[in-house]
């Protein structure tokens, strides 16, 4: 029995296909801008998984960064990848390095920080930072510098990702009492609630076409975003209307923590898990 099943859902056919299955734990597929491979993490390392031919994961060189988590992504031009790794400081920090592998360069100096989204122009990141036990949304330029704080401790704020026009950052927040999807202007401003559901809604990812948002929902009584739960992948319009459940699966943590849309905006990648025997 496999542990991880890397799969792709096509909105046009409403069907999923299996790309690759393994007994190892793989997480958080990012779809490359060129459309030819997925970027995933497993056991602290980063891997490419080709989408053509016989898919086999190719390990990537990441220097000292060998404790990468599932908060990672590829730059819009396909030249760079961002990873979140805790080797250097014992806490998650954000680094960038060549997309084909190389030496990591530190971006964030305030820790811990967990990467989640790359701006459409490739010049900044959105991420979750924990400061004085508060989980908030920040942005920073890819060259480092001062971080811009967008939320201010209104519950737990996590999972930010940019809209394709760069105007909004979608994120999940517990400020209403249950984790729901919100959005905030990327330059700062008042946050707007997007979902009002009975579920615990996490990890919103706006489509490259700018029309839909895919996200993960737990049962409403589940705290945080644990692994190995019955969850559902849902889709909605960018304003929260027309929300629907696309399918249910065994998953959660690792299923789609980071941006996972295909460049064409019609497909997305995710990981389905199987219980440990």
C-alpha atoms as a PDB file:
ATOM      1  CA  UNK A   1       0.000   0.000   0.000  1.00  0.00           C
ATOM      2  CA  UNK A   2       1.471   3.403  -0.929  1.00  0.00           C
ATOM      3  CA  UNK A   3       1.734   6.185   1.636  1.00  0.00           C
ATOM      4  CA  UNK A   4       1.536   9.116  -0.816  1.00  0.00           C
ATOM      5  CA  UNK A   5      -0.317   9.452  -4.106  1.00  0.00           C
ATOM      6  CA  UNK A   6       0.604  12.487  -6.221  1.00  0.00           C
ATOM      7  CA  UNK A   7      -2.490  13.365  -8.256  1.00  0.00           C
ATOM      8  CA  UNK A   8      -3.884  15.984 -10.633  1.00  0.00           C
ATOM      9  CA  UNK A   9      -7.488  17.156 -10.805  1.00  0.00           C
ATOM     10  CA  UNK A  10      -8.825  18.566 -14.078  1.00  0.00           C
ATOM     11  CA  UNK A  11     -11.686  21.032 -13.719  1.00  0.00           C
ATOM     12  CA  UNK A  12     -12.806  20.460 -17.304  1.00  0.00           C
ATOM     13  CA  UNK A  13     -13.408  16.734 -16.909  1.00  0.00           C
ATOM     14  CA  UNK A  14     -13.953  16.737 -13.139  1.00  0.00           C
ATOM     15  CA  UNK A  15     -11.613  13.771 -12.911  1.00  0.00           C
ATOM     16  CA  UNK A  16      -8.340  13.031 -11.148  1.00  0.00           C
ATOM     17  CA  UNK A  17      -5.380  11.083 -12.438  1.00  0.00           C
ATOM     18  CA  UNK A  18      -2.528   9.549 -10.477  1.00  0.00           C
ATOM     19  CA  UNK A  19       0.913  10.819 -11.449  1.00  0.00           C
ATOM     20  CA  UNK A  20       3.025   8.731  -9.083  1.00  0.00           C
ATOM     21  CA  UNK A  21       2.670   6.750  -5.870  1.00  0.00           C
ATOM     22  CA  UNK A  22       5.261   5.915  -3.236  1.00  0.00           C
ATOM     23  CA  UNK A  23       5.636   4.371   0.192  1.00  0.00           C
ATOM     24  CA  UNK A  24       7.470   7.542   1.299  1.00  0.00           C
ATOM     25  CA  UNK A  25       5.809  10.683   2.649  1.00  0.00           C
ATOM     26  CA  UNK A  26       5.816  13.409  -0.038  1.00  0.00           C
ATOM     27  CA  UNK A  27       4.132  16.788   0.389  1.00  0.00           C
ATOM     28  CA  UNK A  28       2.877  20.022  -1.165  1.00  0.00           C
ATOM     29  CA  UNK A  29       3.255  19.875  -4.962  1.00  0.00           C
ATOM     30  CA  UNK A  30       4.057  23.163  -6.730  1.00  0.00           C
ATOM     31  CA  UNK A  31       3.427  23.159 -10.485  1.00  0.00           C
ATOM     32  CA  UNK A  32       6.341  24.654 -12.416  1.00  0.00           C
ATOM     33  CA  UNK A  33       5.603  27.713 -14.602  1.00  0.00           C
ATOM     34  CA  UNK A  34       6.866  25.757 -17.617  1.00  0.00           C
ATOM     35  CA  UNK A  35       4.284  23.075 -16.853  1.00  0.00           C
ATOM     36  CA  UNK A  36       6.731  20.165 -17.068  1.00  0.00           C
ATOM     37  CA  UNK A  37       7.303  19.174 -13.454  1.00  0.00           C
ATOM     38  CA  UNK A  38       6.091  19.325  -9.869  1.00  0.00           C
ATOM     39  CA  UNK A  39       8.239  20.456  -6.951  1.00  0.00           C
ATOM     40  CA  UNK A  40       7.703  18.507  -3.718  1.00  0.00           C
ATOM     41  CA  UNK A  41       9.382  17.897  -0.374  1.00  0.00           C
ATOM     42  CA  UNK A  42      10.080  14.649   1.439  1.00  0.00           C
ATOM     43  CA  UNK A  43      12.055  14.009   4.622  1.00  0.00           C
ATOM     44  CA  UNK A  44      13.545  17.500   4.602  1.00  0.00           C
ATOM     45  CA  UNK A  45      14.716  17.415   0.989  1.00  0.00           C
ATOM     46  CA  UNK A  46      13.348  18.911  -2.236  1.00  0.00           C
ATOM     47  CA  UNK A  47      12.454  16.900  -5.352  1.00  0.00           C
ATOM     48  CA  UNK A  48      11.338  17.441  -8.935  1.00  0.00           C
ATOM     49  CA  UNK A  49       8.763  15.061 -10.357  1.00  0.00           C
ATOM     50  CA  UNK A  50       8.485  15.107 -14.155  1.00  0.00           C
ATOM     51  CA  UNK A  51       4.993  15.115 -15.655  1.00  0.00           C
ATOM     52  CA  UNK A  52       6.077  13.547 -18.946  1.00  0.00           C
ATOM     53  CA  UNK A  53       7.547  10.118 -19.560  1.00  0.00           C
ATOM     54  CA  UNK A  54       8.140   7.850 -16.576  1.00  0.00           C
ATOM     55  CA  UNK A  55       7.740   9.987 -13.435  1.00  0.00           C
ATOM     56  CA  UNK A  56      10.544   9.459 -10.936  1.00  0.00           C
ATOM     57  CA  UNK A  57      11.510  12.050  -8.314  1.00  0.00           C
ATOM     58  CA  UNK A  58      14.798  13.833  -8.912  1.00  0.00           C
ATOM     59  CA  UNK A  59      16.500  15.095  -5.711  1.00  0.00           C
ATOM     60  CA  UNK A  60      17.628  18.710  -5.799  1.00  0.00           C
ATOM     61  CA  UNK A  61      20.773  20.094  -4.210  1.00  0.00           C
ATOM     62  CA  UNK A  62      19.877  22.598  -1.481  1.00  0.00           C
ATOM     63  CA  UNK A  63      23.216  22.990   0.317  1.00  0.00           C
ATOM     64  CA  UNK A  64      22.886  23.065   4.091  1.00  0.00           C
ATOM     65  CA  UNK A  65      19.073  23.320   3.863  1.00  0.00           C
ATOM     66  CA  UNK A  66      18.199  19.691   4.556  1.00  0.00           C
ATOM     67  CA  UNK A  67      15.219  20.237   6.858  1.00  0.00           C
ATOM     68  CA  UNK A  68      12.882  21.843   4.342  1.00  0.00           C
ATOM     69  CA  UNK A  69       9.198  21.761   5.225  1.00  0.00           C
ATOM     70  CA  UNK A  70       6.152  21.895   2.944  1.00  0.00           C
ATOM     71  CA  UNK A  71       6.188  25.687   2.542  1.00  0.00           C
ATOM     72  CA  UNK A  72       7.977  26.163  -0.778  1.00  0.00           C
ATOM     73  CA  UNK A  73       7.396  27.462  -4.294  1.00  0.00           C
ATOM     74  CA  UNK A  74       8.793  28.389  -7.696  1.00  0.00           C
ATOM     75  CA  UNK A  75       9.258  31.950  -8.959  1.00  0.00           C
ATOM     76  CA  UNK A  76       6.932  33.109 -11.772  1.00  0.00           C
ATOM     77  CA  UNK A  77       9.839  33.082 -14.248  1.00  0.00           C
ATOM     78  CA  UNK A  78      10.804  29.543 -13.209  1.00  0.00           C
ATOM     79  CA  UNK A  79      14.362  30.549 -12.322  1.00  0.00           C
ATOM     80  CA  UNK A  80      14.210  30.335  -8.516  1.00  0.00           C
ATOM     81  CA  UNK A  81      12.621  28.408  -5.721  1.00  0.00           C
ATOM     82  CA  UNK A  82      11.829  29.510  -2.203  1.00  0.00           C
ATOM     83  CA  UNK A  83      12.155  27.041   0.661  1.00  0.00           C
ATOM     84  CA  UNK A  84      11.482  27.160   4.387  1.00  0.00           C
ATOM     85  CA  UNK A  85      14.223  25.406   6.349  1.00  0.00           C
ATOM     86  CA  UNK A  86      15.311  25.298  10.009  1.00  0.00           C
ATOM     87  CA  UNK A  87      18.879  23.958   9.861  1.00  0.00           C
ATOM     88  CA  UNK A  88      20.657  27.290  10.291  1.00  0.00           C
ATOM     89  CA  UNK A  89      18.670  28.744  13.194  1.00  0.00           C
ATOM     90  CA  UNK A  90      16.628  25.875  14.607  1.00  0.00           C
ATOM     91  CA  UNK A  91      13.508  27.743  13.420  1.00  0.00           C
ATOM     92  CA  UNK A  92      11.958  27.983   9.976  1.00  0.00           C
ATOM     93  CA  UNK A  93      13.572  30.664   7.805  1.00  0.00           C
ATOM     94  CA  UNK A  94      12.922  31.502   4.149  1.00  0.00           C
ATOM     95  CA  UNK A  95      15.671  31.090   1.538  1.00  0.00           C
ATOM     96  CA  UNK A  96      15.850  31.346  -2.234  1.00  0.00           C
ATOM     97  CA  UNK A  97      18.079  29.276  -4.508  1.00  0.00           C
ATOM     98  CA  UNK A  98      18.183  28.335  -8.192  1.00  0.00           C
ATOM     99  CA  UNK A  99      15.183  26.231  -9.237  1.00  0.00           C
ATOM    100  CA  UNK A 100      17.501  23.476 -10.421  1.00  0.00           C
ATOM    101  CA  UNK A 101      19.293  23.391  -7.076  1.00  0.00           C
ATOM    102  CA  UNK A 102      22.174  25.326  -5.528  1.00  0.00           C
ATOM    103  CA  UNK A 103      23.188  27.277  -2.461  1.00  0.00           C
ATOM    104  CA  UNK A 104      20.410  28.892  -0.422  1.00  0.00           C
ATOM    105  CA  UNK A 105      20.384  32.622   0.351  1.00  0.00           C
ATOM    106  CA  UNK A 106      18.569  33.876   3.451  1.00  0.00           C
ATOM    107  CA  UNK A 107      15.670  36.281   2.882  1.00  0.00           C
ATOM    108  CA  UNK A 108      13.971  36.547   6.288  1.00  0.00           C
ATOM    109  CA  UNK A 109      15.790  37.481   9.504  1.00  0.00           C
ATOM    110  CA  UNK A 110      12.702  37.531  11.737  1.00  0.00           C
ATOM    111  CA  UNK A 111      11.881  33.968  12.781  1.00  0.00           C
ATOM    112  CA  UNK A 112      10.115  31.668  12.499  1.00  0.00           C
ATOM    113  CA  UNK A 113       8.814  32.403   9.001  1.00  0.00           C
ATOM    114  CA  UNK A 114       7.002  30.043   6.650  1.00  0.00           C
ATOM    115  CA  UNK A 115       6.886  30.846   2.920  1.00  0.00           C
ATOM    116  CA  UNK A 116       3.501  30.578   1.185  1.00  0.00           C
ATOM    117  CA  UNK A 117       3.163  32.709  -1.948  1.00  0.00           C
ATOM    118  CA  UNK A 118       5.204  34.472  -4.626  1.00  0.00           C
ATOM    119  CA  UNK A 119       3.929  37.789  -6.006  1.00  0.00           C
ATOM    120  CA  UNK A 120       3.013  37.710  -9.726  1.00  0.00           C
ATOM    121  CA  UNK A 121       5.868  40.088 -10.583  1.00  0.00           C
ATOM    122  CA  UNK A 122       8.354  37.855  -8.767  1.00  0.00           C
ATOM    123  CA  UNK A 123       9.571  40.668  -6.535  1.00  0.00           C
ATOM    124  CA  UNK A 124       8.129  39.708  -3.149  1.00  0.00           C
ATOM    125  CA  UNK A 125       6.835  36.877  -0.957  1.00  0.00           C
ATOM    126  CA  UNK A 126       3.832  36.409   1.281  1.00  0.00           C
ATOM    127  CA  UNK A 127       4.420  34.293   4.350  1.00  0.00           C
ATOM    128  CA  UNK A 128       3.272  33.417   7.835  1.00  0.00           C
ATOM    129  CA  UNK A 129       5.488  34.773  10.594  1.00  0.00           C
ATOM    130  CA  UNK A 130       5.220  33.962  14.287  1.00  0.00           C
ATOM    131  CA  UNK A 131       6.199  36.969  16.410  1.00  0.00           C
ATOM    132  CA  UNK A 132       5.589  36.932  20.189  1.00  0.00           C
ATOM    133  CA  UNK A 133       3.316  33.891  19.731  1.00  0.00           C
ATOM    134  CA  UNK A 134       1.137  35.718  17.181  1.00  0.00           C
ATOM    135  CA  UNK A 135       0.610  34.100  13.766  1.00  0.00           C
ATOM    136  CA  UNK A 136       0.387  36.862  11.178  1.00  0.00           C
ATOM    137  CA  UNK A 137       0.694  37.527   7.438  1.00  0.00           C
ATOM    138  CA  UNK A 138       3.736  39.398   6.143  1.00  0.00           C
ATOM    139  CA  UNK A 139       5.362  40.258   2.837  1.00  0.00           C
ATOM    140  CA  UNK A 140       9.002  40.966   2.059  1.00  0.00           C
ATOM    141  CA  UNK A 141      11.080  41.672  -1.032  1.00  0.00           C
ATOM    142  CA  UNK A 142      13.021  38.727  -2.434  1.00  0.00           C
ATOM    143  CA  UNK A 143      16.225  40.620  -1.631  1.00  0.00           C
ATOM    144  CA  UNK A 144      15.291  40.826   2.035  1.00  0.00           C
ATOM    145  CA  UNK A 145      14.932  44.027   4.020  1.00  0.00           C
ATOM    146  CA  UNK A 146      12.002  45.106   6.168  1.00  0.00           C
ATOM    147  CA  UNK A 147       8.908  42.946   6.339  1.00  0.00           C
ATOM    148  CA  UNK A 148       5.442  44.443   5.853  1.00  0.00           C
ATOM    149  CA  UNK A 149       2.876  43.244   8.373  1.00  0.00           C
ATOM    150  CA  UNK A 150      -0.649  42.796   6.992  1.00  0.00           C
ATOM    151  CA  UNK A 151      -2.506  41.251   9.959  1.00  0.00           C
ATOM    152  CA  UNK A 152      -2.225  42.083  13.625  1.00  0.00           C
ATOM    153  CA  UNK A 153      -3.009  39.130  15.835  1.00  0.00           C
ATOM    154  CA  UNK A 154      -6.723  38.839  15.026  1.00  0.00           C
ATOM    155  CA  UNK A 155      -6.716  35.125  15.756  1.00  0.00           C
ATOM    156  CA  UNK A 156      -4.304  32.844  13.941  1.00  0.00           C
ATOM    157  CA  UNK A 157      -3.481  34.013  10.404  1.00  0.00           C
ATOM    158  CA  UNK A 158      -1.771  31.614   8.005  1.00  0.00           C
ATOM    159  CA  UNK A 159      -1.544  30.257   4.459  1.00  0.00           C
ATOM    160  CA  UNK A 160      -1.225  33.445   2.339  1.00  0.00           C
ATOM    161  CA  UNK A 161      -1.218  33.347  -1.467  1.00  0.00           C
ATOM    162  CA  UNK A 162      -1.453  36.162  -4.031  1.00  0.00           C
ATOM    163  CA  UNK A 163      -4.240  36.752  -6.519  1.00  0.00           C
ATOM    164  CA  UNK A 164      -2.830  36.680 -10.085  1.00  0.00           C
ATOM    165  CA  UNK A 165      -3.257  40.445 -10.493  1.00  0.00           C
ATOM    166  CA  UNK A 166      -1.191  41.013  -7.328  1.00  0.00           C
ATOM    167  CA  UNK A 167      -3.952  43.072  -5.742  1.00  0.00           C
ATOM    168  CA  UNK A 168      -5.039  40.675  -2.988  1.00  0.00           C
ATOM    169  CA  UNK A 169      -3.480  38.183  -0.629  1.00  0.00           C
ATOM    170  CA  UNK A 170      -5.838  35.358   0.318  1.00  0.00           C
ATOM    171  CA  UNK A 171      -5.229  33.649   3.659  1.00  0.00           C
ATOM    172  CA  UNK A 172      -6.930  31.639   6.371  1.00  0.00           C
ATOM    173  CA  UNK A 173      -7.751  33.110   9.768  1.00  0.00           C
ATOM    174  CA  UNK A 174      -9.426  31.934  12.977  1.00  0.00           C
ATOM    175  CA  UNK A 175     -10.525  35.472  13.934  1.00  0.00           C
ATOM    176  CA  UNK A 176     -14.206  34.544  13.557  1.00  0.00           C
ATOM    177  CA  UNK A 177     -13.840  31.580  15.922  1.00  0.00           C
ATOM    178  CA  UNK A 178     -13.342  28.934  13.212  1.00  0.00           C
ATOM    179  CA  UNK A 179     -10.654  28.917  10.528  1.00  0.00           C
ATOM    180  CA  UNK A 180     -12.095  30.608   7.408  1.00  0.00           C
ATOM    181  CA  UNK A 181     -10.767  32.187   4.212  1.00  0.00           C
ATOM    182  CA  UNK A 182     -10.101  35.944   4.154  1.00  0.00           C
ATOM    183  CA  UNK A 183      -8.263  38.339   1.878  1.00  0.00           C
ATOM    184  CA  UNK A 184      -6.335  41.544   2.490  1.00  0.00           C
ATOM    185  CA  UNK A 185      -4.949  44.135   0.055  1.00  0.00           C
ATOM    186  CA  UNK A 186      -1.337  43.262  -0.766  1.00  0.00           C
ATOM    187  CA  UNK A 187      -0.263  46.815   0.094  1.00  0.00           C
ATOM    188  CA  UNK A 188      -2.068  46.691   3.453  1.00  0.00           C
ATOM    189  CA  UNK A 189      -5.573  47.547   4.566  1.00  0.00           C
ATOM    190  CA  UNK A 190      -8.740  46.037   5.957  1.00  0.00           C
ATOM    191  CA  UNK A 191      -9.212  42.284   5.647  1.00  0.00           C
ATOM    192  CA  UNK A 192     -12.374  40.937   4.012  1.00  0.00           C
ATOM    193  CA  UNK A 193     -14.009  37.637   4.934  1.00  0.00           C
ATOM    194  CA  UNK A 194     -14.507  35.288   1.976  1.00  0.00           C
ATOM    195  CA  UNK A 195     -15.946  32.052   3.413  1.00  0.00           C
ATOM    196  CA  UNK A 196     -18.645  31.520   6.013  1.00  0.00           C
ATOM    197  CA  UNK A 197     -18.738  27.755   6.175  1.00  0.00           C
ATOM    198  CA  UNK A 198     -19.219  25.051   8.823  1.00  0.00           C
ATOM    199  CA  UNK A 199     -15.749  23.727   7.977  1.00  0.00           C
ATOM    200  CA  UNK A 200     -12.224  24.633   8.986  1.00  0.00           C
ATOM    201  CA  UNK A 201     -10.975  26.227   5.752  1.00  0.00           C
ATOM    202  CA  UNK A 202      -7.236  26.335   4.977  1.00  0.00           C
ATOM    203  CA  UNK A 203      -4.670  27.121   2.273  1.00  0.00           C
ATOM    204  CA  UNK A 204      -6.528  29.172  -0.359  1.00  0.00           C
ATOM    205  CA  UNK A 205      -4.858  29.227  -3.786  1.00  0.00           C
ATOM    206  CA  UNK A 206      -6.246  31.631  -6.414  1.00  0.00           C
ATOM    207  CA  UNK A 207      -6.278  30.318  -9.982  1.00  0.00           C
ATOM    208  CA  UNK A 208      -3.874  31.851 -12.531  1.00  0.00           C
ATOM    209  CA  UNK A 209      -7.018  32.783 -14.507  1.00  0.00           C
ATOM    210  CA  UNK A 210      -8.218  34.941 -11.635  1.00  0.00           C
ATOM    211  CA  UNK A 211     -11.676  33.368 -11.505  1.00  0.00           C
ATOM    212  CA  UNK A 212     -11.501  30.646  -8.847  1.00  0.00           C
ATOM    213  CA  UNK A 213      -9.880  29.761  -5.527  1.00  0.00           C
ATOM    214  CA  UNK A 214      -9.161  26.175  -4.500  1.00  0.00           C
ATOM    215  CA  UNK A 215      -8.792  25.393  -0.800  1.00  0.00           C
ATOM    216  CA  UNK A 216      -8.781  22.586   1.771  1.00  0.00           C
ATOM    217  CA  UNK A 217     -11.518  22.053   4.359  1.00  0.00           C
ATOM    218  CA  UNK A 218     -11.462  20.013   7.555  1.00  0.00           C
ATOM    219  CA  UNK A 219     -14.476  19.118   9.653  1.00  0.00           C
ATOM    220  CA  UNK A 220     -15.378  22.143  11.741  1.00  0.00           C
ATOM    221  CA  UNK A 221     -14.222  20.641  15.049  1.00  0.00           C
ATOM    222  CA  UNK A 222     -10.679  19.835  13.848  1.00  0.00           C
ATOM    223  CA  UNK A 223      -8.009  22.111  15.338  1.00  0.00           C
ATOM    224  CA  UNK A 224      -5.032  23.296  13.272  1.00  0.00           C
ATOM    225  CA  UNK A 225      -4.159  21.466  10.036  1.00  0.00           C
ATOM    226  CA  UNK A 226      -3.151  17.916  11.052  1.00  0.00           C
ATOM    227  CA  UNK A 227      -2.106  15.101   8.777  1.00  0.00           C
ATOM    228  CA  UNK A 228      -4.178  11.993   8.052  1.00  0.00           C
ATOM    229  CA  UNK A 229      -7.753  13.222   8.317  1.00  0.00           C
ATOM    230  CA  UNK A 230     -10.864  12.961   6.223  1.00  0.00           C
ATOM    231  CA  UNK A 231     -10.838  16.296   4.364  1.00  0.00           C
ATOM    232  CA  UNK A 232     -12.364  17.832   1.265  1.00  0.00           C
ATOM    233  CA  UNK A 233     -10.991  19.958  -1.551  1.00  0.00           C
ATOM    234  CA  UNK A 234     -13.320  22.824  -2.368  1.00  0.00           C
ATOM    235  CA  UNK A 235     -13.595  25.452  -5.088  1.00  0.00           C
ATOM    236  CA  UNK A 236     -15.214  28.885  -5.074  1.00  0.00           C
ATOM    237  CA  UNK A 237     -15.355  32.133  -7.000  1.00  0.00           C
ATOM    238  CA  UNK A 238     -12.847  34.748  -5.882  1.00  0.00           C
ATOM    239  CA  UNK A 239     -15.513  36.560  -3.836  1.00  0.00           C
ATOM    240  CA  UNK A 240     -16.502  33.354  -1.995  1.00  0.00           C
ATOM    241  CA  UNK A 241     -19.650  32.672  -3.987  1.00  0.00           C
ATOM    242  CA  UNK A 242     -20.553  29.358  -5.655  1.00  0.00           C
ATOM    243  CA  UNK A 243     -18.469  27.295  -3.225  1.00  0.00           C
ATOM    244  CA  UNK A 244     -18.578  23.568  -3.922  1.00  0.00           C
ATOM    245  CA  UNK A 245     -16.866  20.394  -2.771  1.00  0.00           C
ATOM    246  CA  UNK A 246     -14.919  18.869  -5.640  1.00  0.00           C
ATOM    247  CA  UNK A 247     -14.047  15.653  -3.826  1.00  0.00           C
ATOM    248  CA  UNK A 248     -13.209  14.159  -0.447  1.00  0.00           C
ATOM    249  CA  UNK A 249      -9.974  12.395   0.431  1.00  0.00           C
ATOM    250  CA  UNK A 250      -7.706  11.214   3.244  1.00  0.00           C
ATOM    251  CA  UNK A 251      -5.154  13.964   3.677  1.00  0.00           C
ATOM    252  CA  UNK A 252      -4.703  17.347   5.330  1.00  0.00           C
ATOM    253  CA  UNK A 253      -1.201  18.511   6.197  1.00  0.00           C
ATOM    254  CA  UNK A 254       0.874  18.089   3.035  1.00  0.00           C
ATOM    255  CA  UNK A 255      -2.056  17.773   0.627  1.00  0.00           C
ATOM    256  CA  UNK A 256      -1.788  21.312  -0.799  1.00  0.00           C
ATOM    257  CA  UNK A 257      -0.057  23.649   1.639  1.00  0.00           C
ATOM    258  CA  UNK A 258       1.554  25.763  -1.077  1.00  0.00           C
ATOM    259  CA  UNK A 259       0.563  27.042  -4.576  1.00  0.00           C
ATOM    260  CA  UNK A 260      -0.508  24.073  -6.696  1.00  0.00           C
ATOM    261  CA  UNK A 261      -2.236  25.318  -9.883  1.00  0.00           C
ATOM    262  CA  UNK A 262      -1.112  24.374 -13.379  1.00  0.00           C
ATOM    263  CA  UNK A 263      -0.113  27.401 -15.504  1.00  0.00           C
ATOM    264  CA  UNK A 264      -3.256  26.923 -17.625  1.00  0.00           C
ATOM    265  CA  UNK A 265      -5.543  27.434 -14.622  1.00  0.00           C
ATOM    266  CA  UNK A 266      -7.596  24.338 -15.438  1.00  0.00           C
ATOM    267  CA  UNK A 267      -5.781  21.783 -13.295  1.00  0.00           C
ATOM    268  CA  UNK A 268      -4.190  21.565  -9.876  1.00  0.00           C
ATOM    269  CA  UNK A 269      -1.943  19.059  -8.106  1.00  0.00           C
ATOM    270  CA  UNK A 270      -2.377  17.594  -4.641  1.00  0.00           C
ATOM    271  CA  UNK A 271      -1.309  14.642  -2.484  1.00  0.00           C
ATOM    272  CA  UNK A 272      -3.689  11.958  -1.306  1.00  0.00           C
ATOM    273  CA  UNK A 273      -2.465   9.913   1.639  1.00  0.00           C
ATOM    274  CA  UNK A 274      -3.137   6.371   2.767  1.00  0.00           C
ATOM    275  CA  UNK A 275      -3.270   5.297   6.420  1.00  0.00           C
ATOM    276  CA  UNK A 276      -0.137   3.811   7.926  1.00  0.00           C
ATOM    277  CA  UNK A 277      -0.667   0.061   8.249  1.00  0.00           C
END
